[in-house]
Amino acid sequence: MTYIISLQGPMASGKTTLARRLEQRDFQVIYENPYEIVEKRKRLNLDIYTKEGFITNQKMFIEAKINEFQNARGRIVIFDRGPEDIEFYTLHFPKLIGMDWDIENELKKELYRLRKCRSDAIFYLEVSKRILQERKENDKTRRRSTFEEQLELVEVERQWYKQFPFTYVNTDEATVGETEVYFMKWLHEKKMLLNKSFNIK
């Protein structure tokens, strides 16, 4: 049995930083890595602001996430963005740019397969828009090409995740260390959902 935990939240909310700290505790972490698909999108000259380009792009992202999920092995596996994130973005990005595309039908088969991949628990890092903007401006190490679009979806995303087994954690004032400590306490409280033989350090 593999217990899947997804770290969710907006860009620059601290998911990857927390994931690296947890990896140092010997947790298996699967990191979000969109760059290969982004580069392929560039080679194919896809425009995600057109229906055809967006659908082709999302098919690649959905297939990659399904493969990651199905190949996850271990007692506890932590995703830096899980399958639910791909579903949210697939459904809501067209609305954000003012397009009324019938994504449910256009990607019916792909969404059906993706929805078979569900996290057992979601740890959602909640951050105010002001703090997110500050973090993005101060982080010169990562490309965040869709940051502005995702910033507009923060509140919609927050509400959407309520349908899943989630825990919201406000990290506006919390340090990474404090968030890590909270995560470990949260995980220990879920022991009843895990096999008693799991060794949670």
N, C-alpha and C. Protein backbone atom coordinates (compact mmCIF):
# COMPACT_ATOMS: atom_id res chain seq x y z
N MET A 1 0.85 -1.20 0.00
CA MET A 1 0.00 0.00 0.00
C MET A 1 0.87 1.24 0.00
N THR A 2 0.55 2.18 -0.87
CA THR A 2 1.23 3.46 -0.91
C THR A 2 0.26 4.55 -0.51
N TYR A 3 0.66 5.35 0.46
CA TYR A 3 -0.16 6.46 0.93
C TYR A 3 0.35 7.73 0.27
N ILE A 4 -0.51 8.37 -0.53
CA ILE A 4 -0.12 9.54 -1.32
C ILE A 4 -0.53 10.82 -0.62
N ILE A 5 0.44 11.68 -0.38
CA ILE A 5 0.19 13.01 0.17
C ILE A 5 0.61 14.03 -0.87
N SER A 6 -0.26 14.98 -1.16
CA SER A 6 0.09 16.04 -2.10
C SER A 6 0.24 17.36 -1.37
N LEU A 7 1.33 18.04 -1.66
CA LEU A 7 1.52 19.41 -1.20
C LEU A 7 0.94 20.32 -2.26
N GLN A 8 -0.06 21.09 -1.89
CA GLN A 8 -0.73 21.96 -2.85
C GLN A 8 -0.66 23.40 -2.36
N GLY A 9 -1.03 24.29 -3.26
CA GLY A 9 -1.01 25.71 -2.95
C GLY A 9 -0.54 26.48 -4.17
N PRO A 10 -0.67 27.80 -4.15
CA PRO A 10 -0.27 28.61 -5.30
C PRO A 10 1.23 28.56 -5.55
N MET A 11 1.65 29.02 -6.73
CA MET A 11 3.06 29.20 -7.01
C MET A 11 3.66 30.10 -5.94
N ALA A 12 4.88 29.76 -5.50
CA ALA A 12 5.62 30.56 -4.52
C ALA A 12 5.05 30.45 -3.11
N SER A 13 4.21 29.44 -2.87
CA SER A 13 3.66 29.26 -1.52
C SER A 13 4.59 28.46 -0.62
N GLY A 14 5.64 27.85 -1.20
CA GLY A 14 6.62 27.14 -0.38
C GLY A 14 6.55 25.63 -0.47
N LYS A 15 5.83 25.10 -1.46
CA LYS A 15 5.66 23.65 -1.58
C LYS A 15 6.99 22.93 -1.79
N THR A 16 7.76 23.42 -2.75
CA THR A 16 9.02 22.75 -3.08
C THR A 16 10.02 22.86 -1.94
N THR A 17 10.05 24.01 -1.28
CA THR A 17 10.95 24.18 -0.14
C THR A 17 10.61 23.21 0.97
N LEU A 18 9.31 23.07 1.26
CA LEU A 18 8.88 22.10 2.27
C LEU A 18 9.20 20.68 1.82
N ALA A 19 8.97 20.38 0.55
CA ALA A 19 9.24 19.04 0.03
C ALA A 19 10.70 18.66 0.22
N ARG A 20 11.61 19.60 -0.01
CA ARG A 20 13.04 19.32 0.17
C ARG A 20 13.37 19.03 1.63
N ARG A 21 12.72 19.75 2.52
CA ARG A 21 12.94 19.49 3.95
C ARG A 21 12.45 18.09 4.33
N LEU A 22 11.31 17.71 3.77
CA LEU A 22 10.75 16.39 4.07
C LEU A 22 11.59 15.28 3.43
N GLU A 23 12.17 15.56 2.28
CA GLU A 23 13.05 14.59 1.63
C GLU A 23 14.26 14.30 2.51
N GLN A 24 14.74 15.30 3.24
CA GLN A 24 15.86 15.11 4.15
C GLN A 24 15.48 14.21 5.33
N ARG A 25 14.19 14.05 5.56
CA ARG A 25 13.70 13.12 6.59
C ARG A 25 13.46 11.73 6.02
N ASP A 26 13.92 11.51 4.81
CA ASP A 26 13.83 10.22 4.13
C ASP A 26 12.46 9.90 3.56
N PHE A 27 11.62 10.91 3.40
CA PHE A 27 10.38 10.70 2.68
C PHE A 27 10.68 10.66 1.18
N GLN A 28 9.92 9.84 0.46
CA GLN A 28 10.04 9.84 -0.99
C GLN A 28 9.23 11.00 -1.54
N VAL A 29 9.85 11.86 -2.34
CA VAL A 29 9.19 13.04 -2.88
C VAL A 29 9.24 13.00 -4.40
N ILE A 30 8.10 13.27 -5.03
CA ILE A 30 8.03 13.41 -6.48
C ILE A 30 7.78 14.88 -6.78
N TYR A 31 8.77 15.51 -7.40
CA TYR A 31 8.71 16.94 -7.62
C TYR A 31 8.00 17.29 -8.92
N GLU A 32 7.32 18.42 -8.89
CA GLU A 32 6.73 18.95 -10.11
C GLU A 32 7.87 19.32 -11.06
N ASN A 33 7.78 18.85 -12.29
CA ASN A 33 8.84 19.14 -13.26
C ASN A 33 8.21 19.42 -14.62
N PRO A 34 7.69 20.63 -14.80
CA PRO A 34 6.97 20.94 -16.05
C PRO A 34 7.86 21.29 -17.22
N TYR A 35 9.16 21.47 -16.97
CA TYR A 35 10.02 22.09 -17.99
C TYR A 35 10.16 21.24 -19.25
N GLU A 36 10.20 19.92 -19.12
CA GLU A 36 10.31 19.07 -20.31
C GLU A 36 9.10 19.25 -21.22
N ILE A 37 7.91 19.31 -20.61
CA ILE A 37 6.69 19.49 -21.41
C ILE A 37 6.64 20.90 -21.97
N VAL A 38 7.07 21.88 -21.19
CA VAL A 38 7.09 23.26 -21.68
C VAL A 38 8.01 23.38 -22.90
N GLU A 39 9.16 22.72 -22.83
CA GLU A 39 10.08 22.76 -23.96
C GLU A 39 9.49 22.05 -25.18
N LYS A 40 8.79 20.95 -24.95
CA LYS A 40 8.14 20.24 -26.06
C LYS A 40 7.05 21.12 -26.65
N ARG A 41 6.34 21.84 -25.80
CA ARG A 41 5.30 22.75 -26.28
C ARG A 41 5.90 23.82 -27.19
N LYS A 42 7.07 24.30 -26.81
CA LYS A 42 7.74 25.31 -27.64
C LYS A 42 8.15 24.72 -28.98
N ARG A 43 8.67 23.48 -28.95
CA ARG A 43 9.09 22.85 -30.20
C ARG A 43 7.91 22.62 -31.14
N LEU A 44 6.76 22.31 -30.54
CA LEU A 44 5.55 22.08 -31.34
C LEU A 44 4.84 23.38 -31.70
N ASN A 45 5.36 24.47 -31.16
CA ASN A 45 4.79 25.80 -31.41
C ASN A 45 3.32 25.85 -30.99
N LEU A 46 3.03 25.30 -29.81
CA LEU A 46 1.66 25.30 -29.31
C LEU A 46 1.34 26.62 -28.61
N ASP A 47 0.17 27.10 -28.85
CA ASP A 47 -0.32 28.32 -28.18
C ASP A 47 -1.43 27.90 -27.23
N ILE A 48 -1.15 27.94 -25.91
CA ILE A 48 -2.15 27.48 -24.94
C ILE A 48 -3.33 28.43 -24.82
N TYR A 49 -3.27 29.56 -25.51
CA TYR A 49 -4.40 30.48 -25.50
C TYR A 49 -5.37 30.19 -26.64
N THR A 50 -5.09 29.11 -27.39
CA THR A 50 -6.05 28.59 -28.37
C THR A 50 -6.55 27.25 -27.85
N LYS A 51 -7.75 26.86 -28.25
CA LYS A 51 -8.31 25.60 -27.76
C LYS A 51 -7.46 24.41 -28.15
N GLU A 52 -7.04 24.36 -29.39
CA GLU A 52 -6.26 23.22 -29.86
C GLU A 52 -4.92 23.12 -29.12
N GLY A 53 -4.27 24.27 -28.95
CA GLY A 53 -2.99 24.28 -28.26
C GLY A 53 -3.12 23.90 -26.80
N PHE A 54 -4.15 24.43 -26.15
CA PHE A 54 -4.35 24.13 -24.73
C PHE A 54 -4.66 22.66 -24.52
N ILE A 55 -5.54 22.10 -25.34
CA ILE A 55 -5.93 20.70 -25.19
C ILE A 55 -4.72 19.79 -25.39
N THR A 56 -3.92 20.05 -26.42
CA THR A 56 -2.72 19.24 -26.65
C THR A 56 -1.76 19.35 -25.46
N ASN A 57 -1.60 20.56 -24.96
CA ASN A 57 -0.73 20.80 -23.82
C ASN A 57 -1.20 20.02 -22.59
N GLN A 58 -2.49 20.10 -22.31
CA GLN A 58 -3.01 19.43 -21.11
C GLN A 58 -2.98 17.91 -21.24
N LYS A 59 -3.14 17.40 -22.44
CA LYS A 59 -3.01 15.96 -22.63
C LYS A 59 -1.63 15.49 -22.21
N MET A 60 -0.61 16.26 -22.54
CA MET A 60 0.76 15.90 -22.16
C MET A 60 0.94 15.96 -20.65
N PHE A 61 0.41 17.00 -20.02
CA PHE A 61 0.55 17.14 -18.57
C PHE A 61 -0.23 16.05 -17.83
N ILE A 62 -1.44 15.76 -18.30
CA ILE A 62 -2.26 14.73 -17.65
C ILE A 62 -1.59 13.37 -17.75
N GLU A 63 -1.10 13.03 -18.94
CA GLU A 63 -0.45 11.73 -19.12
C GLU A 63 0.78 11.61 -18.23
N ALA A 64 1.56 12.67 -18.13
CA ALA A 64 2.76 12.65 -17.29
C ALA A 64 2.40 12.46 -15.82
N LYS A 65 1.34 13.12 -15.36
CA LYS A 65 0.95 13.01 -13.95
C LYS A 65 0.39 11.62 -13.65
N ILE A 66 -0.39 11.07 -14.57
CA ILE A 66 -0.91 9.72 -14.38
C ILE A 66 0.24 8.72 -14.26
N ASN A 67 1.23 8.86 -15.11
CA ASN A 67 2.39 7.96 -15.06
C ASN A 67 3.13 8.10 -13.74
N GLU A 68 3.32 9.32 -13.28
CA GLU A 68 3.98 9.54 -11.98
C GLU A 68 3.20 8.87 -10.86
N PHE A 69 1.90 9.05 -10.88
CA PHE A 69 1.04 8.51 -9.83
C PHE A 69 1.06 6.99 -9.84
N GLN A 70 0.90 6.41 -11.00
CA GLN A 70 0.84 4.95 -11.11
C GLN A 70 2.17 4.28 -10.79
N ASN A 71 3.27 5.00 -10.99
CA ASN A 71 4.59 4.45 -10.72
C ASN A 71 5.11 4.79 -9.32
N ALA A 72 4.31 5.48 -8.53
CA ALA A 72 4.74 5.83 -7.17
C ALA A 72 4.84 4.57 -6.33
N ARG A 73 5.98 4.39 -5.69
CA ARG A 73 6.21 3.22 -4.86
C ARG A 73 6.79 3.65 -3.52
N GLY A 74 6.32 3.01 -2.47
CA GLY A 74 6.83 3.33 -1.15
C GLY A 74 5.68 3.38 -0.15
N ARG A 75 6.03 3.48 1.11
CA ARG A 75 4.98 3.53 2.14
C ARG A 75 4.24 4.86 2.09
N ILE A 76 5.01 5.94 2.09
CA ILE A 76 4.44 7.28 1.99
C ILE A 76 5.16 7.99 0.85
N VAL A 77 4.40 8.50 -0.10
CA VAL A 77 4.96 9.25 -1.21
C VAL A 77 4.35 10.65 -1.20
N ILE A 78 5.22 11.65 -1.28
CA ILE A 78 4.78 13.04 -1.24
C ILE A 78 4.94 13.65 -2.63
N PHE A 79 3.86 14.21 -3.13
CA PHE A 79 3.89 14.90 -4.43
C PHE A 79 3.99 16.40 -4.21
N ASP A 80 4.94 17.03 -4.89
CA ASP A 80 5.00 18.48 -4.98
C ASP A 80 4.04 18.86 -6.11
N ARG A 81 2.80 19.05 -5.76
CA ARG A 81 1.64 19.19 -6.66
C ARG A 81 1.18 17.81 -7.12
N GLY A 82 -0.02 17.44 -6.76
CA GLY A 82 -0.56 16.14 -7.11
C GLY A 82 -1.49 16.20 -8.31
N PRO A 83 -2.18 15.11 -8.59
CA PRO A 83 -3.06 15.04 -9.76
C PRO A 83 -4.22 16.03 -9.71
N GLU A 84 -4.66 16.36 -8.50
CA GLU A 84 -5.77 17.31 -8.37
C GLU A 84 -5.40 18.68 -8.94
N ASP A 85 -4.13 19.03 -8.83
CA ASP A 85 -3.67 20.32 -9.35
C ASP A 85 -3.82 20.39 -10.86
N ILE A 86 -3.46 19.30 -11.55
CA ILE A 86 -3.59 19.26 -13.01
C ILE A 86 -5.06 19.38 -13.41
N GLU A 87 -5.92 18.70 -12.68
CA GLU A 87 -7.36 18.76 -12.99
C GLU A 87 -7.88 20.19 -12.83
N PHE A 88 -7.51 20.83 -11.72
CA PHE A 88 -7.98 22.19 -11.48
C PHE A 88 -7.56 23.13 -12.60
N TYR A 89 -6.28 23.10 -12.94
CA TYR A 89 -5.76 24.01 -13.95
C TYR A 89 -6.41 23.72 -15.31
N THR A 90 -6.60 22.45 -15.62
CA THR A 90 -7.22 22.07 -16.89
C THR A 90 -8.63 22.64 -17.02
N LEU A 91 -9.38 22.60 -15.93
CA LEU A 91 -10.77 23.06 -15.96
C LEU A 91 -10.90 24.58 -15.87
N HIS A 92 -9.98 25.23 -15.15
CA HIS A 92 -10.19 26.64 -14.83
C HIS A 92 -9.38 27.63 -15.65
N PHE A 93 -8.28 27.22 -16.25
CA PHE A 93 -7.49 28.18 -17.02
C PHE A 93 -8.29 28.78 -18.19
N PRO A 94 -9.04 27.96 -18.96
CA PRO A 94 -9.82 28.57 -20.06
C PRO A 94 -10.79 29.64 -19.55
N LYS A 95 -11.42 29.41 -18.41
CA LYS A 95 -12.36 30.40 -17.87
C LYS A 95 -11.62 31.68 -17.51
N LEU A 96 -10.40 31.53 -16.99
CA LEU A 96 -9.61 32.69 -16.58
C LEU A 96 -9.30 33.60 -17.77
N ILE A 97 -9.08 33.01 -18.93
CA ILE A 97 -8.74 33.82 -20.11
C ILE A 97 -9.98 34.13 -20.96
N GLY A 98 -11.16 33.87 -20.39
CA GLY A 98 -12.40 34.26 -21.04
C GLY A 98 -12.89 33.34 -22.13
N MET A 99 -12.45 32.08 -22.10
CA MET A 99 -12.85 31.12 -23.12
C MET A 99 -13.88 30.14 -22.58
N ASP A 100 -14.90 29.86 -23.37
CA ASP A 100 -15.97 28.96 -22.96
C ASP A 100 -15.80 27.61 -23.67
N TRP A 101 -14.63 27.00 -23.49
CA TRP A 101 -14.35 25.72 -24.12
C TRP A 101 -14.98 24.59 -23.30
N ASP A 102 -15.51 23.59 -23.99
CA ASP A 102 -16.14 22.46 -23.31
C ASP A 102 -15.06 21.43 -22.97
N ILE A 103 -14.27 21.74 -21.95
CA ILE A 103 -13.12 20.92 -21.58
C ILE A 103 -13.55 19.53 -21.10
N GLU A 104 -14.66 19.45 -20.40
CA GLU A 104 -15.13 18.15 -19.89
C GLU A 104 -15.33 17.16 -21.03
N ASN A 105 -15.85 17.62 -22.17
CA ASN A 105 -16.04 16.73 -23.30
C ASN A 105 -14.79 16.59 -24.15
N GLU A 106 -14.06 17.68 -24.32
CA GLU A 106 -12.85 17.64 -25.15
C GLU A 106 -11.80 16.70 -24.54
N LEU A 107 -11.76 16.64 -23.22
CA LEU A 107 -10.76 15.81 -22.54
C LEU A 107 -11.45 14.77 -21.65
N LYS A 108 -12.56 14.25 -22.12
CA LYS A 108 -13.36 13.31 -21.33
C LYS A 108 -12.57 12.09 -20.90
N LYS A 109 -11.88 11.45 -21.85
CA LYS A 109 -11.14 10.22 -21.53
C LYS A 109 -9.97 10.53 -20.60
N GLU A 110 -9.28 11.61 -20.89
CA GLU A 110 -8.10 11.96 -20.09
C GLU A 110 -8.49 12.33 -18.66
N LEU A 111 -9.56 13.10 -18.50
CA LEU A 111 -10.00 13.49 -17.16
C LEU A 111 -10.52 12.28 -16.38
N TYR A 112 -11.16 11.35 -17.07
CA TYR A 112 -11.63 10.14 -16.40
C TYR A 112 -10.46 9.37 -15.81
N ARG A 113 -9.40 9.21 -16.58
CA ARG A 113 -8.22 8.49 -16.09
C ARG A 113 -7.52 9.26 -14.97
N LEU A 114 -7.46 10.57 -15.13
CA LEU A 114 -6.80 11.39 -14.11
C LEU A 114 -7.54 11.32 -12.78
N ARG A 115 -8.87 11.28 -12.83
CA ARG A 115 -9.67 11.26 -11.60
C ARG A 115 -9.61 9.93 -10.88
N LYS A 116 -9.03 8.94 -11.52
CA LYS A 116 -8.76 7.67 -10.85
C LYS A 116 -7.54 7.80 -9.94
N CYS A 117 -6.78 8.87 -10.14
CA CYS A 117 -5.56 9.11 -9.37
C CYS A 117 -5.86 10.19 -8.33
N ARG A 118 -6.15 9.78 -7.11
CA ARG A 118 -6.49 10.73 -6.07
C ARG A 118 -5.51 10.63 -4.91
N SER A 119 -5.14 11.77 -4.38
CA SER A 119 -4.29 11.80 -3.19
C SER A 119 -5.08 11.31 -2.00
N ASP A 120 -4.40 10.62 -1.09
CA ASP A 120 -5.06 10.19 0.15
C ASP A 120 -5.24 11.35 1.11
N ALA A 121 -4.36 12.34 1.02
CA ALA A 121 -4.45 13.53 1.86
C ALA A 121 -3.77 14.69 1.13
N ILE A 122 -4.28 15.89 1.37
CA ILE A 122 -3.72 17.09 0.75
C ILE A 122 -3.34 18.08 1.83
N PHE A 123 -2.12 18.54 1.78
CA PHE A 123 -1.59 19.55 2.71
C PHE A 123 -1.46 20.83 1.90
N TYR A 124 -2.39 21.77 2.13
CA TYR A 124 -2.51 22.95 1.28
C TYR A 124 -1.88 24.15 1.97
N LEU A 125 -0.86 24.73 1.32
CA LEU A 125 -0.19 25.91 1.86
C LEU A 125 -0.92 27.16 1.40
N GLU A 126 -1.58 27.78 2.34
CA GLU A 126 -2.38 28.97 2.03
C GLU A 126 -1.55 30.22 2.30
N VAL A 127 -1.53 31.12 1.30
CA VAL A 127 -0.74 32.34 1.41
C VAL A 127 -1.54 33.49 0.80
N SER A 128 -1.44 34.68 1.38
CA SER A 128 -2.13 35.85 0.83
C SER A 128 -1.48 36.26 -0.49
N LYS A 129 -2.24 36.94 -1.33
CA LYS A 129 -1.72 37.39 -2.62
C LYS A 129 -0.54 38.34 -2.44
N ARG A 130 -0.59 39.17 -1.42
CA ARG A 130 0.51 40.12 -1.18
C ARG A 130 1.81 39.39 -0.90
N ILE A 131 1.76 38.38 -0.05
CA ILE A 131 2.96 37.63 0.29
C ILE A 131 3.45 36.83 -0.91
N LEU A 132 2.52 36.28 -1.68
CA LEU A 132 2.91 35.53 -2.88
C LEU A 132 3.67 36.41 -3.85
N GLN A 133 3.17 37.63 -4.06
CA GLN A 133 3.83 38.55 -4.98
C GLN A 133 5.23 38.89 -4.48
N GLU A 134 5.37 39.11 -3.18
CA GLU A 134 6.68 39.43 -2.60
C GLU A 134 7.65 38.26 -2.79
N ARG A 135 7.17 37.05 -2.54
CA ARG A 135 8.04 35.88 -2.68
C ARG A 135 8.47 35.68 -4.13
N LYS A 136 7.54 35.89 -5.04
CA LYS A 136 7.86 35.72 -6.46
C LYS A 136 8.93 36.73 -6.87
N GLU A 137 8.80 37.97 -6.43
CA GLU A 137 9.76 39.01 -6.81
C GLU A 137 11.13 38.77 -6.19
N ASN A 138 11.15 38.12 -5.03
CA ASN A 138 12.42 37.88 -4.34
C ASN A 138 13.12 36.60 -4.79
N ASP A 139 12.40 35.76 -5.53
CA ASP A 139 12.96 34.48 -5.97
C ASP A 139 13.45 34.62 -7.41
N LYS A 140 14.76 34.73 -7.58
CA LYS A 140 15.34 34.90 -8.90
C LYS A 140 15.83 33.57 -9.50
N THR A 141 15.60 32.47 -8.78
CA THR A 141 16.18 31.19 -9.20
C THR A 141 15.24 30.37 -10.06
N ARG A 142 13.93 30.71 -10.07
CA ARG A 142 12.97 29.88 -10.79
C ARG A 142 12.17 30.70 -11.78
N ARG A 143 11.89 30.09 -12.93
CA ARG A 143 11.00 30.70 -13.91
C ARG A 143 9.56 30.41 -13.51
N ARG A 144 8.74 31.43 -13.50
CA ARG A 144 7.33 31.25 -13.15
C ARG A 144 6.50 31.95 -14.22
N SER A 145 6.48 31.34 -15.41
CA SER A 145 5.90 31.99 -16.59
C SER A 145 4.39 32.20 -16.48
N THR A 146 3.70 31.40 -15.68
CA THR A 146 2.24 31.53 -15.57
C THR A 146 1.83 32.08 -14.22
N PHE A 147 2.74 32.76 -13.54
CA PHE A 147 2.47 33.22 -12.17
C PHE A 147 1.26 34.15 -12.11
N GLU A 148 1.21 35.14 -12.99
CA GLU A 148 0.14 36.13 -12.92
C GLU A 148 -1.23 35.48 -13.12
N GLU A 149 -1.31 34.53 -14.06
CA GLU A 149 -2.58 33.83 -14.28
C GLU A 149 -2.98 33.03 -13.04
N GLN A 150 -2.02 32.33 -12.47
CA GLN A 150 -2.33 31.51 -11.30
C GLN A 150 -2.69 32.36 -10.09
N LEU A 151 -2.10 33.55 -9.99
CA LEU A 151 -2.43 34.44 -8.88
C LEU A 151 -3.90 34.80 -8.89
N GLU A 152 -4.46 34.96 -10.09
CA GLU A 152 -5.88 35.30 -10.22
C GLU A 152 -6.78 34.15 -9.78
N LEU A 153 -6.24 32.93 -9.77
CA LEU A 153 -7.06 31.76 -9.45
C LEU A 153 -6.94 31.32 -7.98
N VAL A 154 -6.20 32.06 -7.17
CA VAL A 154 -5.90 31.62 -5.80
C VAL A 154 -7.16 31.31 -5.01
N GLU A 155 -8.11 32.22 -4.97
CA GLU A 155 -9.31 32.01 -4.15
C GLU A 155 -10.19 30.92 -4.74
N VAL A 156 -10.30 30.87 -6.06
CA VAL A 156 -11.09 29.82 -6.71
C VAL A 156 -10.49 28.45 -6.39
N GLU A 157 -9.17 28.36 -6.46
CA GLU A 157 -8.48 27.11 -6.16
C GLU A 157 -8.71 26.68 -4.71
N ARG A 158 -8.59 27.65 -3.82
CA ARG A 158 -8.78 27.36 -2.39
C ARG A 158 -10.15 26.74 -2.13
N GLN A 159 -11.19 27.28 -2.74
CA GLN A 159 -12.54 26.75 -2.55
C GLN A 159 -12.70 25.39 -3.21
N TRP A 160 -12.09 25.22 -4.37
CA TRP A 160 -12.22 23.97 -5.13
C TRP A 160 -11.67 22.79 -4.35
N TYR A 161 -10.58 23.01 -3.61
CA TYR A 161 -9.95 21.91 -2.88
C TYR A 161 -10.78 21.41 -1.70
N LYS A 162 -11.82 22.11 -1.34
CA LYS A 162 -12.64 21.68 -0.21
C LYS A 162 -13.36 20.36 -0.45
N GLN A 163 -13.42 19.93 -1.70
CA GLN A 163 -14.09 18.65 -2.01
C GLN A 163 -13.20 17.45 -1.68
N PHE A 164 -11.93 17.69 -1.37
CA PHE A 164 -10.97 16.62 -1.12
C PHE A 164 -10.58 16.56 0.36
N PRO A 165 -9.92 15.47 0.78
CA PRO A 165 -9.41 15.39 2.16
C PRO A 165 -8.22 16.32 2.33
N PHE A 166 -8.48 17.55 2.73
CA PHE A 166 -7.45 18.58 2.74
C PHE A 166 -7.22 19.13 4.15
N THR A 167 -6.08 19.75 4.32
CA THR A 167 -5.78 20.56 5.50
C THR A 167 -5.14 21.85 5.02
N TYR A 168 -5.75 22.99 5.38
CA TYR A 168 -5.20 24.28 5.02
C TYR A 168 -4.24 24.75 6.10
N VAL A 169 -3.10 25.29 5.68
CA VAL A 169 -2.12 25.83 6.62
C VAL A 169 -1.71 27.21 6.13
N ASN A 170 -1.98 28.23 6.94
CA ASN A 170 -1.59 29.58 6.56
C ASN A 170 -0.12 29.79 6.85
N THR A 171 0.64 30.14 5.81
CA THR A 171 2.09 30.28 5.96
C THR A 171 2.57 31.72 5.76
N ASP A 172 1.66 32.68 5.87
CA ASP A 172 2.06 34.08 5.70
C ASP A 172 3.19 34.47 6.66
N GLU A 173 3.04 34.08 7.91
CA GLU A 173 4.01 34.46 8.93
C GLU A 173 4.88 33.28 9.38
N ALA A 174 4.54 32.09 8.95
CA ALA A 174 5.26 30.90 9.42
C ALA A 174 6.57 30.71 8.66
N THR A 175 7.60 30.28 9.36
CA THR A 175 8.86 29.93 8.71
C THR A 175 8.73 28.54 8.11
N VAL A 176 9.67 28.18 7.25
CA VAL A 176 9.67 26.84 6.67
C VAL A 176 9.79 25.80 7.77
N GLY A 177 10.63 26.07 8.76
CA GLY A 177 10.81 25.13 9.86
C GLY A 177 9.53 24.92 10.64
N GLU A 178 8.79 25.99 10.88
CA GLU A 178 7.51 25.87 11.61
C GLU A 178 6.49 25.09 10.80
N THR A 179 6.48 25.32 9.49
CA THR A 179 5.56 24.58 8.62
C THR A 179 5.92 23.10 8.60
N GLU A 180 7.21 22.81 8.60
CA GLU A 180 7.68 21.43 8.62
C GLU A 180 7.25 20.73 9.91
N VAL A 181 7.41 21.41 11.03
CA VAL A 181 7.00 20.84 12.32
C VAL A 181 5.50 20.57 12.32
N TYR A 182 4.73 21.51 11.80
CA TYR A 182 3.28 21.33 11.75
C TYR A 182 2.92 20.13 10.87
N PHE A 183 3.62 20.01 9.74
CA PHE A 183 3.36 18.88 8.84
C PHE A 183 3.59 17.55 9.57
N MET A 184 4.68 17.45 10.31
CA MET A 184 4.99 16.21 11.01
C MET A 184 3.93 15.88 12.06
N LYS A 185 3.46 16.90 12.78
CA LYS A 185 2.39 16.67 13.76
C LYS A 185 1.11 16.24 13.06
N TRP A 186 0.82 16.88 11.94
CA TRP A 186 -0.37 16.54 11.15
C TRP A 186 -0.29 15.10 10.66
N LEU A 187 0.89 14.70 10.21
CA LEU A 187 1.06 13.34 9.70
C LEU A 187 0.92 12.31 10.81
N HIS A 188 1.45 12.62 11.97
CA HIS A 188 1.32 11.70 13.10
C HIS A 188 -0.15 11.53 13.51
N GLU A 189 -0.93 12.58 13.37
CA GLU A 189 -2.36 12.50 13.72
C GLU A 189 -3.11 11.59 12.75
N LYS A 190 -2.52 11.34 11.60
CA LYS A 190 -3.14 10.47 10.60
C LYS A 190 -2.68 9.02 10.71
N LYS A 191 -2.01 8.68 11.77
CA LYS A 191 -1.49 7.33 11.91
C LYS A 191 -2.58 6.27 11.81
N MET A 192 -3.77 6.61 12.26
CA MET A 192 -4.85 5.63 12.20
C MET A 192 -5.21 5.29 10.77
N LEU A 193 -4.86 6.19 9.84
CA LEU A 193 -5.14 5.94 8.43
C LEU A 193 -4.00 5.19 7.75
N LEU A 194 -2.90 5.07 8.43
CA LEU A 194 -1.72 4.43 7.86
C LEU A 194 -1.49 3.07 8.49
N ASN A 195 -0.77 2.27 7.79
CA ASN A 195 -0.37 0.97 8.35
C ASN A 195 0.51 1.20 9.57
N LYS A 196 0.28 0.45 10.65
CA LYS A 196 1.03 0.67 11.88
C LYS A 196 2.52 0.39 11.73
N SER A 197 2.87 -0.28 10.65
CA SER A 197 4.28 -0.59 10.46
C SER A 197 5.06 0.55 9.81
N PHE A 198 4.31 1.64 9.38
CA PHE A 198 5.01 2.77 8.76
C PHE A 198 5.94 3.39 9.78
N ASN A 199 7.11 3.69 9.36
CA ASN A 199 8.11 4.31 10.22
C ASN A 199 8.19 5.78 9.90
N ILE A 200 7.42 6.60 10.63
CA ILE A 200 7.38 8.04 10.39
C ILE A 200 8.36 8.70 11.33
N LYS A 201 9.41 9.25 10.77
CA LYS A 201 10.48 9.85 11.59
C LYS A 201 10.11 11.27 12.00
